[in-house]
Amino acid sequence: MSAGLIIGPLIVFLIFVAPLWLFLHYRSKRKSNVGLSNEDRMRLDTLAAKAQALQARVDSLERILDAETPNWRGRYE
């Protein structure tokens, strides 16, 4: 009797749950390996350009601070 209690759910798991689980797992793996879409690539390029512009602004501000207050780095590092 106790073997029937274990075998029934095990058969249901192996017939229905395990194949669906494997299918969904490998489908998600395939989608993640596709790479970036064109929209994602454009967003990434836009963000990279903004990051470069911000870095240029920070460099300019640091040059101005170095000229006006030479010891400012020592106070904030």
Protein backbone atom coordinates (compact mmCIF):
# COMPACT_ATOMS: atom_id res chain seq x y z
CA MET A 1 0.00 0.00 0.00
CA SER A 2 2.79 2.47 0.85
CA ALA A 3 4.55 1.75 -2.43
CA GLY A 4 1.43 2.85 -4.30
CA LEU A 5 1.46 6.16 -2.47
CA ILE A 6 4.96 6.86 -3.73
CA ILE A 7 4.71 5.41 -7.23
CA GLY A 8 1.56 7.34 -8.22
CA PRO A 9 2.95 10.85 -7.67
CA LEU A 10 6.29 9.76 -9.10
CA ILE A 11 4.66 8.63 -12.34
CA VAL A 12 2.66 11.88 -12.57
CA PHE A 13 5.85 13.86 -12.00
CA LEU A 14 7.81 11.94 -14.63
CA ILE A 15 5.04 12.12 -17.25
CA PHE A 16 3.83 15.70 -16.84
CA VAL A 17 6.05 17.87 -14.67
CA ALA A 18 9.59 16.80 -15.66
CA PRO A 19 9.16 17.18 -19.45
CA LEU A 20 7.47 20.56 -19.05
CA TRP A 21 10.18 21.66 -16.64
CA LEU A 22 12.95 20.62 -19.04
CA PHE A 23 11.22 22.26 -22.01
CA LEU A 24 10.82 25.58 -20.19
CA HIS A 25 14.36 25.45 -18.84
CA TYR A 26 16.03 24.92 -22.21
CA ARG A 27 13.73 27.41 -23.93
CA SER A 28 14.81 30.10 -21.47
CA LYS A 29 18.48 29.12 -21.96
CA ARG A 30 18.08 29.46 -25.74
CA LYS A 31 16.48 32.89 -25.39
CA SER A 32 19.22 34.15 -23.09
CA ASN A 33 21.95 33.07 -25.53
CA VAL A 34 20.44 34.99 -28.46
CA GLY A 35 22.13 38.24 -27.45
CA LEU A 36 21.02 41.85 -27.54
CA SER A 37 18.18 43.01 -29.70
CA ASN A 38 18.59 46.08 -31.93
CA GLU A 39 16.65 48.18 -29.42
CA ASP A 40 18.86 47.02 -26.56
CA ARG A 41 21.98 47.70 -28.63
CA MET A 42 20.76 51.25 -29.37
CA ARG A 43 20.05 51.84 -25.67
CA LEU A 44 23.48 50.56 -24.76
CA ASP A 45 25.16 52.82 -27.32
CA THR A 46 23.16 55.80 -26.04
CA LEU A 47 24.12 55.07 -22.44
CA ALA A 48 27.78 54.66 -23.41
CA ALA A 49 27.73 58.05 -25.17
CA LYS A 50 26.13 59.67 -22.10
CA ALA A 51 28.73 58.07 -19.84
CA GLN A 52 31.55 59.44 -22.00
CA ALA A 53 29.99 62.91 -21.93
CA LEU A 54 29.65 62.78 -18.16
CA GLN A 55 33.25 61.61 -17.80
CA ALA A 56 34.38 64.56 -19.91
CA ARG A 57 32.42 66.92 -17.65
CA VAL A 58 33.95 65.40 -14.52
CA ASP A 59 37.43 65.77 -16.03
CA SER A 60 36.72 69.44 -16.82
CA LEU A 61 35.46 70.09 -13.31
CA GLU A 62 38.51 68.42 -11.80
CA ARG A 63 40.82 70.56 -13.94
CA ILE A 64 38.98 73.71 -12.80
CA LEU A 65 39.19 72.64 -9.15
CA ASP A 66 42.88 71.79 -9.53
CA ALA A 67 43.51 75.29 -10.88
CA GLU A 68 41.44 77.13 -8.27
CA THR A 69 42.01 74.93 -5.19
CA PRO A 70 45.09 72.74 -5.59
CA ASN A 71 44.60 70.80 -2.31
CA TRP A 72 40.96 69.83 -2.77
CA ARG A 73 41.76 66.19 -3.51
CA GLY A 74 43.44 65.70 -0.15
CA ARG A 75 40.32 66.76 1.71
CA TYR A 76 37.99 64.37 -0.09
CA GLU A 77 40.06 61.24 -0.67
